[in-house]
Amino acid sequence: MAEKIVQTAGRDALGEFAPEFAYFNDDVLFGENWNNEDIDLKTRSIITVVSLMSQGITDSSLKYHISNAKNHGVTQKEMAAIITHVAFYCGWPKAWAVFRLAKEVYEEA
């Protein structure tokens, strides 16, 4: 079994303001869903990047998930191919925006 994913971003950012949302984010989404072994972490990371890209989300959450994908073994070449493939289905401008973030992530040491 891989190391258990533990997330505290929900509690850190919204713990007192929206404790139920923080619980769902940290304990259910990341605690249960991301630790479910029916899909390996590399595939789960790719699915997440594609889902966010298809919605046009190009903020820090997508950058986090691109970095997460990199950390789970998605190479720069694979990420470029994924973004290019998805561009045909969800939009060329979205791909340009995602490539900007992906370049930042893969150029970081």
PDB file of N, CA and C in Angstrom:
ATOM      1  N   MET A   1       0.837  -1.182   0.000  1.00  0.00           N
ATOM      2  CA  MET A   1       0.000   0.000   0.000  1.00  0.00           C
ATOM      3  C   MET A   1       0.884   1.247   0.000  1.00  0.00           C
ATOM      4  N   ALA A   2       0.515   2.220  -0.791  1.00  0.00           N
ATOM      5  CA  ALA A   2       1.249   3.484  -0.865  1.00  0.00           C
ATOM      6  C   ALA A   2       1.049   4.268   0.429  1.00  0.00           C
ATOM      7  N   GLU A   3       1.901   5.262   0.612  1.00  0.00           N
ATOM      8  CA  GLU A   3       1.761   6.126   1.771  1.00  0.00           C
ATOM      9  C   GLU A   3       0.403   6.818   1.721  1.00  0.00           C
ATOM     10  N   LYS A   4      -0.268   6.856   2.856  1.00  0.00           N
ATOM     11  CA  LYS A   4      -1.604   7.451   2.930  1.00  0.00           C
ATOM     12  C   LYS A   4      -1.543   8.952   2.667  1.00  0.00           C
ATOM     13  N   ILE A   5      -2.438   9.423   1.816  1.00  0.00           N
ATOM     14  CA  ILE A   5      -2.547  10.846   1.520  1.00  0.00           C
ATOM     15  C   ILE A   5      -3.322  11.511   2.653  1.00  0.00           C
ATOM     16  N   VAL A   6      -2.732  12.551   3.195  1.00  0.00           N
ATOM     17  CA  VAL A   6      -3.368  13.322   4.262  1.00  0.00           C
ATOM     18  C   VAL A   6      -3.442  14.770   3.804  1.00  0.00           C
ATOM     19  N   GLN A   7      -4.608  15.356   3.916  1.00  0.00           N
ATOM     20  CA  GLN A   7      -4.825  16.734   3.459  1.00  0.00           C
ATOM     21  C   GLN A   7      -5.366  17.558   4.620  1.00  0.00           C
ATOM     22  N   THR A   8      -4.844  18.749   4.778  1.00  0.00           N
ATOM     23  CA  THR A   8      -5.347  19.653   5.816  1.00  0.00           C
ATOM     24  C   THR A   8      -5.726  21.020   5.257  1.00  0.00           C
ATOM     25  N   ALA A   9      -5.675  21.186   3.949  1.00  0.00           N
ATOM     26  CA  ALA A   9      -5.939  22.493   3.330  1.00  0.00           C
ATOM     27  C   ALA A   9      -7.323  23.025   3.677  1.00  0.00           C
ATOM     28  N   GLY A  10      -8.314  22.162   3.722  1.00  0.00           N
ATOM     29  CA  GLY A  10      -9.669  22.598   4.053  1.00  0.00           C
ATOM     30  C   GLY A  10      -9.749  23.168   5.456  1.00  0.00           C
ATOM     31  N   ARG A  11      -9.195  22.431   6.406  1.00  0.00           N
ATOM     32  CA  ARG A  11      -9.216  22.913   7.790  1.00  0.00           C
ATOM     33  C   ARG A  11      -8.341  24.152   7.953  1.00  0.00           C
ATOM     34  N   ASP A  12      -7.194  24.165   7.273  1.00  0.00           N
ATOM     35  CA  ASP A  12      -6.300  25.320   7.378  1.00  0.00           C
ATOM     36  C   ASP A  12      -6.967  26.590   6.863  1.00  0.00           C
ATOM     37  N   ALA A  13      -7.673  26.486   5.737  1.00  0.00           N
ATOM     38  CA  ALA A  13      -8.259  27.667   5.105  1.00  0.00           C
ATOM     39  C   ALA A  13      -9.668  27.987   5.611  1.00  0.00           C
ATOM     40  N   LEU A  14     -10.447  26.944   5.906  1.00  0.00           N
ATOM     41  CA  LEU A  14     -11.871  27.168   6.191  1.00  0.00           C
ATOM     42  C   LEU A  14     -12.382  26.486   7.444  1.00  0.00           C
ATOM     43  N   GLY A  15     -11.482  25.953   8.242  1.00  0.00           N
ATOM     44  CA  GLY A  15     -11.876  25.155   9.401  1.00  0.00           C
ATOM     45  C   GLY A  15     -12.905  25.800  10.308  1.00  0.00           C
ATOM     46  N   GLU A  16     -12.704  27.050  10.650  1.00  0.00           N
ATOM     47  CA  GLU A  16     -13.656  27.722  11.538  1.00  0.00           C
ATOM     48  C   GLU A  16     -14.837  28.302  10.774  1.00  0.00           C
ATOM     49  N   PHE A  17     -14.605  28.763   9.551  1.00  0.00           N
ATOM     50  CA  PHE A  17     -15.652  29.416   8.763  1.00  0.00           C
ATOM     51  C   PHE A  17     -16.632  28.397   8.183  1.00  0.00           C
ATOM     52  N   ALA A  18     -16.102  27.292   7.658  1.00  0.00           N
ATOM     53  CA  ALA A  18     -16.944  26.278   7.021  1.00  0.00           C
ATOM     54  C   ALA A  18     -16.433  24.884   7.391  1.00  0.00           C
ATOM     55  N   PRO A  19     -16.616  24.482   8.645  1.00  0.00           N
ATOM     56  CA  PRO A  19     -16.047  23.214   9.096  1.00  0.00           C
ATOM     57  C   PRO A  19     -16.570  21.987   8.351  1.00  0.00           C
ATOM     58  N   GLU A  20     -17.817  22.007   7.937  1.00  0.00           N
ATOM     59  CA  GLU A  20     -18.353  20.850   7.211  1.00  0.00           C
ATOM     60  C   GLU A  20     -17.674  20.716   5.852  1.00  0.00           C
ATOM     61  N   PHE A  21     -17.497  21.838   5.131  1.00  0.00           N
ATOM     62  CA  PHE A  21     -16.800  21.806   3.849  1.00  0.00           C
ATOM     63  C   PHE A  21     -15.365  21.324   4.048  1.00  0.00           C
ATOM     64  N   ALA A  22     -14.700  21.832   5.099  1.00  0.00           N
ATOM     65  CA  ALA A  22     -13.326  21.421   5.395  1.00  0.00           C
ATOM     66  C   ALA A  22     -13.261  19.913   5.636  1.00  0.00           C
ATOM     67  N   TYR A  23     -14.219  19.386   6.362  1.00  0.00           N
ATOM     68  CA  TYR A  23     -14.293  17.942   6.605  1.00  0.00           C
ATOM     69  C   TYR A  23     -14.425  17.179   5.285  1.00  0.00           C
ATOM     70  N   PHE A  24     -15.358  17.585   4.441  1.00  0.00           N
ATOM     71  CA  PHE A  24     -15.552  16.889   3.168  1.00  0.00           C
ATOM     72  C   PHE A  24     -14.286  16.960   2.307  1.00  0.00           C
ATOM     73  N   ASN A  25     -13.643  18.126   2.280  1.00  0.00           N
ATOM     74  CA  ASN A  25     -12.421  18.287   1.494  1.00  0.00           C
ATOM     75  C   ASN A  25     -11.298  17.388   2.020  1.00  0.00           C
ATOM     76  N   ASP A  26     -11.012  17.499   3.304  1.00  0.00           N
ATOM     77  CA  ASP A  26      -9.846  16.825   3.873  1.00  0.00           C
ATOM     78  C   ASP A  26     -10.070  15.341   4.130  1.00  0.00           C
ATOM     79  N   ASP A  27     -11.221  14.990   4.691  1.00  0.00           N
ATOM     80  CA  ASP A  27     -11.448  13.615   5.121  1.00  0.00           C
ATOM     81  C   ASP A  27     -12.122  12.734   4.077  1.00  0.00           C
ATOM     82  N   VAL A  28     -13.023  13.313   3.290  1.00  0.00           N
ATOM     83  CA  VAL A  28     -13.736  12.502   2.306  1.00  0.00           C
ATOM     84  C   VAL A  28     -13.034  12.554   0.950  1.00  0.00           C
ATOM     85  N   LEU A  29     -12.917  13.755   0.372  1.00  0.00           N
ATOM     86  CA  LEU A  29     -12.292  13.861  -0.951  1.00  0.00           C
ATOM     87  C   LEU A  29     -10.868  13.319  -0.943  1.00  0.00           C
ATOM     88  N   PHE A  30     -10.031  13.867  -0.067  1.00  0.00           N
ATOM     89  CA  PHE A  30      -8.638  13.420  -0.037  1.00  0.00           C
ATOM     90  C   PHE A  30      -8.447  12.205   0.859  1.00  0.00           C
ATOM     91  N   GLY A  31      -9.081  12.166   1.996  1.00  0.00           N
ATOM     92  CA  GLY A  31      -8.880  11.064   2.925  1.00  0.00           C
ATOM     93  C   GLY A  31      -9.396   9.733   2.419  1.00  0.00           C
ATOM     94  N   GLU A  32     -10.619   9.702   1.913  1.00  0.00           N
ATOM     95  CA  GLU A  32     -11.203   8.454   1.429  1.00  0.00           C
ATOM     96  C   GLU A  32     -11.006   8.265  -0.075  1.00  0.00           C
ATOM     97  N   ASN A  33     -11.424   9.252  -0.865  1.00  0.00           N
ATOM     98  CA  ASN A  33     -11.382   9.096  -2.311  1.00  0.00           C
ATOM     99  C   ASN A  33      -9.951   8.934  -2.841  1.00  0.00           C
ATOM    100  N   TRP A  34      -9.050   9.843  -2.475  1.00  0.00           N
ATOM    101  CA  TRP A  34      -7.676   9.775  -2.981  1.00  0.00           C
ATOM    102  C   TRP A  34      -6.914   8.579  -2.442  1.00  0.00           C
ATOM    103  N   ASN A  35      -7.336   8.000  -1.336  1.00  0.00           N
ATOM    104  CA  ASN A  35      -6.665   6.824  -0.782  1.00  0.00           C
ATOM    105  C   ASN A  35      -7.303   5.520  -1.237  1.00  0.00           C
ATOM    106  N   ASN A  36      -8.370   5.597  -2.020  1.00  0.00           N
ATOM    107  CA  ASN A  36      -8.983   4.403  -2.588  1.00  0.00           C
ATOM    108  C   ASN A  36      -8.015   3.821  -3.627  1.00  0.00           C
ATOM    109  N   GLU A  37      -7.682   2.563  -3.510  1.00  0.00           N
ATOM    110  CA  GLU A  37      -6.671   1.955  -4.369  1.00  0.00           C
ATOM    111  C   GLU A  37      -7.230   1.323  -5.640  1.00  0.00           C
ATOM    112  N   ASP A  38      -8.512   1.523  -5.935  1.00  0.00           N
ATOM    113  CA  ASP A  38      -9.088   0.973  -7.165  1.00  0.00           C
ATOM    114  C   ASP A  38      -8.522   1.646  -8.407  1.00  0.00           C
ATOM    115  N   ILE A  39      -8.066   2.888  -8.252  1.00  0.00           N
ATOM    116  CA  ILE A  39      -7.394   3.612  -9.337  1.00  0.00           C
ATOM    117  C   ILE A  39      -6.042   4.050  -8.778  1.00  0.00           C
ATOM    118  N   ASP A  40      -4.968   3.783  -9.504  1.00  0.00           N
ATOM    119  CA  ASP A  40      -3.654   4.183  -9.012  1.00  0.00           C
ATOM    120  C   ASP A  40      -3.537   5.711  -9.013  1.00  0.00           C
ATOM    121  N   LEU A  41      -2.608   6.217  -8.212  1.00  0.00           N
ATOM    122  CA  LEU A  41      -2.485   7.665  -8.031  1.00  0.00           C
ATOM    123  C   LEU A  41      -2.095   8.403  -9.304  1.00  0.00           C
ATOM    124  N   LYS A  42      -1.295   7.787 -10.157  1.00  0.00           N
ATOM    125  CA  LYS A  42      -0.923   8.434 -11.419  1.00  0.00           C
ATOM    126  C   LYS A  42      -2.164   8.643 -12.278  1.00  0.00           C
ATOM    127  N   THR A  43      -2.967   7.610 -12.429  1.00  0.00           N
ATOM    128  CA  THR A  43      -4.191   7.710 -13.233  1.00  0.00           C
ATOM    129  C   THR A  43      -5.165   8.691 -12.593  1.00  0.00           C
ATOM    130  N   ARG A  44      -5.328   8.621 -11.281  1.00  0.00           N
ATOM    131  CA  ARG A  44      -6.230   9.526 -10.564  1.00  0.00           C
ATOM    132  C   ARG A  44      -5.791  10.977 -10.776  1.00  0.00           C
ATOM    133  N   SER A  45      -4.479  11.212 -10.756  1.00  0.00           N
ATOM    134  CA  SER A  45      -3.942  12.557 -10.975  1.00  0.00           C
ATOM    135  C   SER A  45      -4.248  13.051 -12.387  1.00  0.00           C
ATOM    136  N   ILE A  46      -4.082  12.179 -13.374  1.00  0.00           N
ATOM    137  CA  ILE A  46      -4.387  12.549 -14.765  1.00  0.00           C
ATOM    138  C   ILE A  46      -5.864  12.888 -14.912  1.00  0.00           C
ATOM    139  N   ILE A  47      -6.721  12.058 -14.353  1.00  0.00           N
ATOM    140  CA  ILE A  47      -8.164  12.301 -14.432  1.00  0.00           C
ATOM    141  C   ILE A  47      -8.512  13.663 -13.820  1.00  0.00           C
ATOM    142  N   THR A  48      -7.887  13.992 -12.714  1.00  0.00           N
ATOM    143  CA  THR A  48      -8.173  15.251 -12.031  1.00  0.00           C
ATOM    144  C   THR A  48      -7.733  16.439 -12.879  1.00  0.00           C
ATOM    145  N   VAL A  49      -6.534  16.370 -13.451  1.00  0.00           N
ATOM    146  CA  VAL A  49      -6.047  17.457 -14.314  1.00  0.00           C
ATOM    147  C   VAL A  49      -6.982  17.631 -15.508  1.00  0.00           C
ATOM    148  N   VAL A  50      -7.374  16.543 -16.134  1.00  0.00           N
ATOM    149  CA  VAL A  50      -8.266  16.607 -17.297  1.00  0.00           C
ATOM    150  C   VAL A  50      -9.622  17.198 -16.897  1.00  0.00           C
ATOM    151  N   SER A  51     -10.138  16.793 -15.766  1.00  0.00           N
ATOM    152  CA  SER A  51     -11.434  17.307 -15.309  1.00  0.00           C
ATOM    153  C   SER A  51     -11.384  18.813 -15.073  1.00  0.00           C
ATOM    154  N   LEU A  52     -10.340  19.274 -14.385  1.00  0.00           N
ATOM    155  CA  LEU A  52     -10.222  20.709 -14.125  1.00  0.00           C
ATOM    156  C   LEU A  52     -10.009  21.484 -15.418  1.00  0.00           C
ATOM    157  N   MET A  53      -9.171  20.944 -16.305  1.00  0.00           N
ATOM    158  CA  MET A  53      -8.924  21.595 -17.599  1.00  0.00           C
ATOM    159  C   MET A  53     -10.223  21.717 -18.390  1.00  0.00           C
ATOM    160  N   SER A  54     -11.000  20.659 -18.425  1.00  0.00           N
ATOM    161  CA  SER A  54     -12.227  20.674 -19.224  1.00  0.00           C
ATOM    162  C   SER A  54     -13.232  21.696 -18.708  1.00  0.00           C
ATOM    163  N   GLN A  55     -13.137  22.033 -17.426  1.00  0.00           N
ATOM    164  CA  GLN A  55     -14.024  23.042 -16.843  1.00  0.00           C
ATOM    165  C   GLN A  55     -13.474  24.455 -16.997  1.00  0.00           C
ATOM    166  N   GLY A  56     -12.244  24.569 -17.485  1.00  0.00           N
ATOM    167  CA  GLY A  56     -11.636  25.883 -17.642  1.00  0.00           C
ATOM    168  C   GLY A  56     -11.055  26.433 -16.360  1.00  0.00           C
ATOM    169  N   ILE A  57     -10.809  25.566 -15.401  1.00  0.00           N
ATOM    170  CA  ILE A  57     -10.224  26.005 -14.125  1.00  0.00           C
ATOM    171  C   ILE A  57      -8.707  26.066 -14.288  1.00  0.00           C
ATOM    172  N   THR A  58      -8.178  27.267 -14.213  1.00  0.00           N
ATOM    173  CA  THR A  58      -6.728  27.436 -14.417  1.00  0.00           C
ATOM    174  C   THR A  58      -6.120  28.261 -13.284  1.00  0.00           C
ATOM    175  N   ASP A  59      -6.593  28.015 -12.082  1.00  0.00           N
ATOM    176  CA  ASP A  59      -6.075  28.732 -10.915  1.00  0.00           C
ATOM    177  C   ASP A  59      -5.071  27.858 -10.160  1.00  0.00           C
ATOM    178  N   SER A  60      -4.802  28.223  -8.933  1.00  0.00           N
ATOM    179  CA  SER A  60      -3.812  27.502  -8.139  1.00  0.00           C
ATOM    180  C   SER A  60      -4.204  26.045  -7.883  1.00  0.00           C
ATOM    181  N   SER A  61      -5.499  25.742  -7.908  1.00  0.00           N
ATOM    182  CA  SER A  61      -5.902  24.349  -7.688  1.00  0.00           C
ATOM    183  C   SER A  61      -5.426  23.459  -8.835  1.00  0.00           C
ATOM    184  N   LEU A  62      -5.495  23.964 -10.059  1.00  0.00           N
ATOM    185  CA  LEU A  62      -5.001  23.170 -11.185  1.00  0.00           C
ATOM    186  C   LEU A  62      -3.478  23.041 -11.115  1.00  0.00           C
ATOM    187  N   LYS A  63      -2.800  24.110 -10.770  1.00  0.00           N
ATOM    188  CA  LYS A  63      -1.343  24.031 -10.643  1.00  0.00           C
ATOM    189  C   LYS A  63      -0.967  22.997  -9.575  1.00  0.00           C
ATOM    190  N   TYR A  64      -1.693  22.986  -8.468  1.00  0.00           N
ATOM    191  CA  TYR A  64      -1.463  21.984  -7.416  1.00  0.00           C
ATOM    192  C   TYR A  64      -1.619  20.576  -7.991  1.00  0.00           C
ATOM    193  N   HIS A  65      -2.671  20.350  -8.759  1.00  0.00           N
ATOM    194  CA  HIS A  65      -2.934  19.011  -9.272  1.00  0.00           C
ATOM    195  C   HIS A  65      -1.965  18.621 -10.390  1.00  0.00           C
ATOM    196  N   ILE A  66      -1.461  19.575 -11.151  1.00  0.00           N
ATOM    197  CA  ILE A  66      -0.410  19.269 -12.127  1.00  0.00           C
ATOM    198  C   ILE A  66       0.856  18.856 -11.373  1.00  0.00           C
ATOM    199  N   SER A  67       1.180  19.577 -10.326  1.00  0.00           N
ATOM    200  CA  SER A  67       2.334  19.226  -9.492  1.00  0.00           C
ATOM    201  C   SER A  67       2.136  17.859  -8.845  1.00  0.00           C
ATOM    202  N   ASN A  68       0.938  17.597  -8.388  1.00  0.00           N
ATOM    203  CA  ASN A  68       0.602  16.307  -7.803  1.00  0.00           C
ATOM    204  C   ASN A  68       0.785  15.190  -8.834  1.00  0.00           C
ATOM    205  N   ALA A  69       0.348  15.441 -10.064  1.00  0.00           N
ATOM    206  CA  ALA A  69       0.519  14.459 -11.138  1.00  0.00           C
ATOM    207  C   ALA A  69       2.006  14.201 -11.384  1.00  0.00           C
ATOM    208  N   LYS A  70       2.775  15.267 -11.429  1.00  0.00           N
ATOM    209  CA  LYS A  70       4.228  15.128 -11.604  1.00  0.00           C
ATOM    210  C   LYS A  70       4.808  14.267 -10.488  1.00  0.00           C
ATOM    211  N   ASN A  71       4.397  14.545  -9.261  1.00  0.00           N
ATOM    212  CA  ASN A  71       4.892  13.787  -8.110  1.00  0.00           C
ATOM    213  C   ASN A  71       4.447  12.331  -8.124  1.00  0.00           C
ATOM    214  N   HIS A  72       3.367  12.033  -8.840  1.00  0.00           N
ATOM    215  CA  HIS A  72       2.892  10.655  -8.944  1.00  0.00           C
ATOM    216  C   HIS A  72       3.338   9.989 -10.246  1.00  0.00           C
ATOM    217  N   GLY A  73       4.344  10.564 -10.901  1.00  0.00           N
ATOM    218  CA  GLY A  73       4.981   9.879 -12.021  1.00  0.00           C
ATOM    219  C   GLY A  73       4.585  10.313 -13.408  1.00  0.00           C
ATOM    220  N   VAL A  74       3.762  11.337 -13.557  1.00  0.00           N
ATOM    221  CA  VAL A  74       3.407  11.815 -14.898  1.00  0.00           C
ATOM    222  C   VAL A  74       4.587  12.655 -15.400  1.00  0.00           C
ATOM    223  N   THR A  75       5.193  12.202 -16.469  1.00  0.00           N
ATOM    224  CA  THR A  75       6.349  12.908 -17.013  1.00  0.00           C
ATOM    225  C   THR A  75       5.907  14.156 -17.776  1.00  0.00           C
ATOM    226  N   GLN A  76       6.869  15.019 -18.052  1.00  0.00           N
ATOM    227  CA  GLN A  76       6.577  16.228 -18.833  1.00  0.00           C
ATOM    228  C   GLN A  76       6.032  15.847 -20.203  1.00  0.00           C
ATOM    229  N   LYS A  77       6.627  14.840 -20.819  1.00  0.00           N
ATOM    230  CA  LYS A  77       6.177  14.397 -22.143  1.00  0.00           C
ATOM    231  C   LYS A  77       4.734  13.878 -22.083  1.00  0.00           C
ATOM    232  N   GLU A  78       4.425  13.109 -21.043  1.00  0.00           N
ATOM    233  CA  GLU A  78       3.058  12.607 -20.884  1.00  0.00           C
ATOM    234  C   GLU A  78       2.085  13.756 -20.644  1.00  0.00           C
ATOM    235  N   MET A  79       2.466  14.711 -19.795  1.00  0.00           N
ATOM    236  CA  MET A  79       1.578  15.839 -19.503  1.00  0.00           C
ATOM    237  C   MET A  79       1.301  16.639 -20.772  1.00  0.00           C
ATOM    238  N   ALA A  80       2.328  16.879 -21.563  1.00  0.00           N
ATOM    239  CA  ALA A  80       2.140  17.611 -22.823  1.00  0.00           C
ATOM    240  C   ALA A  80       1.191  16.857 -23.750  1.00  0.00           C
ATOM    241  N   ALA A  81       1.334  15.545 -23.820  1.00  0.00           N
ATOM    242  CA  ALA A  81       0.457  14.736 -24.677  1.00  0.00           C
ATOM    243  C   ALA A  81      -0.978  14.734 -24.152  1.00  0.00           C
ATOM    244  N   ILE A  82      -1.131  14.690 -22.831  1.00  0.00           N
ATOM    245  CA  ILE A  82      -2.462  14.706 -22.213  1.00  0.00           C
ATOM    246  C   ILE A  82      -3.167  16.019 -22.528  1.00  0.00           C
ATOM    247  N   ILE A  83      -2.474  17.125 -22.303  1.00  0.00           N
ATOM    248  CA  ILE A  83      -3.076  18.440 -22.553  1.00  0.00           C
ATOM    249  C   ILE A  83      -3.424  18.608 -24.027  1.00  0.00           C
ATOM    250  N   THR A  84      -2.528  18.179 -24.907  1.00  0.00           N
ATOM    251  CA  THR A  84      -2.789  18.277 -26.346  1.00  0.00           C
ATOM    252  C   THR A  84      -4.002  17.450 -26.735  1.00  0.00           C
ATOM    253  N   HIS A  85      -4.079  16.229 -26.249  1.00  0.00           N
ATOM    254  CA  HIS A  85      -5.209  15.356 -26.571  1.00  0.00           C
ATOM    255  C   HIS A  85      -6.526  15.974 -26.103  1.00  0.00           C
ATOM    256  N   VAL A  86      -6.549  16.445 -24.868  1.00  0.00           N
ATOM    257  CA  VAL A  86      -7.772  16.991 -24.296  1.00  0.00           C
ATOM    258  C   VAL A  86      -8.165  18.307 -24.975  1.00  0.00           C
ATOM    259  N   ALA A  87      -7.197  19.033 -25.493  1.00  0.00           N
ATOM    260  CA  ALA A  87      -7.482  20.304 -26.181  1.00  0.00           C
ATOM    261  C   ALA A  87      -8.485  20.125 -27.313  1.00  0.00           C
ATOM    262  N   PHE A  88      -8.421  18.995 -28.011  1.00  0.00           N
ATOM    263  CA  PHE A  88      -9.335  18.743 -29.126  1.00  0.00           C
ATOM    264  C   PHE A  88     -10.772  18.546 -28.642  1.00  0.00           C
ATOM    265  N   TYR A  89     -10.941  18.163 -27.402  1.00  0.00           N
ATOM    266  CA  TYR A  89     -12.267  17.885 -26.862  1.00  0.00           C
ATOM    267  C   TYR A  89     -12.836  19.010 -26.024  1.00  0.00           C
ATOM    268  N   CYS A  90     -11.978  19.799 -25.380  1.00  0.00           N
ATOM    269  CA  CYS A  90     -12.527  20.817 -24.476  1.00  0.00           C
ATOM    270  C   CYS A  90     -12.114  22.236 -24.842  1.00  0.00           C
ATOM    271  N   GLY A  91     -11.225  22.406 -25.808  1.00  0.00           N
ATOM    272  CA  GLY A  91     -10.924  23.751 -26.269  1.00  0.00           C
ATOM    273  C   GLY A  91      -9.451  24.113 -26.291  1.00  0.00           C
ATOM    274  N   TRP A  92      -9.053  24.707 -27.385  1.00  0.00           N
ATOM    275  CA  TRP A  92      -7.662  25.120 -27.587  1.00  0.00           C
ATOM    276  C   TRP A  92      -7.235  26.201 -26.598  1.00  0.00           C
ATOM    277  N   PRO A  93      -8.064  27.240 -26.353  1.00  0.00           N
ATOM    278  CA  PRO A  93      -7.671  28.261 -25.376  1.00  0.00           C
ATOM    279  C   PRO A  93      -7.432  27.684 -23.977  1.00  0.00           C
ATOM    280  N   LYS A  94      -8.229  26.703 -23.585  1.00  0.00           N
ATOM    281  CA  LYS A  94      -8.013  26.067 -22.284  1.00  0.00           C
ATOM    282  C   LYS A  94      -6.650  25.388 -22.251  1.00  0.00           C
ATOM    283  N   ALA A  95      -6.287  24.754 -23.346  1.00  0.00           N
ATOM    284  CA  ALA A  95      -4.978  24.087 -23.403  1.00  0.00           C
ATOM    285  C   ALA A  95      -3.848  25.096 -23.250  1.00  0.00           C
ATOM    286  N   TRP A  96      -3.949  26.231 -23.913  1.00  0.00           N
ATOM    287  CA  TRP A  96      -2.921  27.263 -23.775  1.00  0.00           C
ATOM    288  C   TRP A  96      -2.759  27.669 -22.309  1.00  0.00           C
ATOM    289  N   ALA A  97      -3.875  27.866 -21.625  1.00  0.00           N
ATOM    290  CA  ALA A  97      -3.822  28.263 -20.217  1.00  0.00           C
ATOM    291  C   ALA A  97      -3.203  27.164 -19.353  1.00  0.00           C
ATOM    292  N   VAL A  98      -3.548  25.925 -19.631  1.00  0.00           N
ATOM    293  CA  VAL A  98      -3.016  24.809 -18.844  1.00  0.00           C
ATOM    294  C   VAL A  98      -1.531  24.597 -19.150  1.00  0.00           C
ATOM    295  N   PHE A  99      -1.133  24.757 -20.401  1.00  0.00           N
ATOM    296  CA  PHE A  99       0.288  24.631 -20.738  1.00  0.00           C
ATOM    297  C   PHE A  99       1.125  25.655 -19.964  1.00  0.00           C
ATOM    298  N   ARG A 100       0.604  26.853 -19.777  1.00  0.00           N
ATOM    299  CA  ARG A 100       1.340  27.874 -19.019  1.00  0.00           C
ATOM    300  C   ARG A 100       1.634  27.362 -17.610  1.00  0.00           C
ATOM    301  N   LEU A 101       0.630  26.793 -16.961  1.00  0.00           N
ATOM    302  CA  LEU A 101       0.811  26.262 -15.608  1.00  0.00           C
ATOM    303  C   LEU A 101       1.719  25.030 -15.608  1.00  0.00           C
ATOM    304  N   ALA A 102       1.520  24.151 -16.579  1.00  0.00           N
ATOM    305  CA  ALA A 102       2.324  22.934 -16.640  1.00  0.00           C
ATOM    306  C   ALA A 102       3.804  23.260 -16.847  1.00  0.00           C
ATOM    307  N   LYS A 103       4.090  24.254 -17.697  1.00  0.00           N
ATOM    308  CA  LYS A 103       5.477  24.656 -17.896  1.00  0.00           C
ATOM    309  C   LYS A 103       6.098  25.140 -16.584  1.00  0.00           C
ATOM    310  N   GLU A 104       5.343  25.921 -15.823  1.00  0.00           N
ATOM    311  CA  GLU A 104       5.846  26.405 -14.527  1.00  0.00           C
ATOM    312  C   GLU A 104       6.169  25.218 -13.618  1.00  0.00           C
ATOM    313  N   VAL A 105       5.261  24.249 -13.552  1.00  0.00           N
ATOM    314  CA  VAL A 105       5.459  23.103 -12.656  1.00  0.00           C
ATOM    315  C   VAL A 105       6.654  22.273 -13.089  1.00  0.00           C
ATOM    316  N   TYR A 106       6.760  21.978 -14.375  1.00  0.00           N
ATOM    317  CA  TYR A 106       7.827  21.081 -14.833  1.00  0.00           C
ATOM    318  C   TYR A 106       9.180  21.784 -14.928  1.00  0.00           C
ATOM    319  N   GLU A 107       9.194  23.116 -14.900  1.00  0.00           N
ATOM    320  CA  GLU A 107      10.466  23.836 -14.882  1.00  0.00           C
ATOM    321  C   GLU A 107      10.989  24.048 -13.470  1.00  0.00           C
ATOM    322  N   GLU A 108      10.118  23.827 -12.464  1.00  0.00           N
ATOM    323  CA  GLU A 108      10.554  23.935 -11.062  1.00  0.00           C
ATOM    324  C   GLU A 108      11.431  22.749 -10.721  1.00  0.00           C
ATOM    325  N   ALA A 109      12.399  22.992  -9.870  1.00  0.00           N
ATOM    326  CA  ALA A 109      13.335  21.929  -9.486  1.00  0.00           C
ATOM    327  C   ALA A 109      12.676  20.903  -8.613  1.00  0.00           C
TER     328      ALA A 109
END
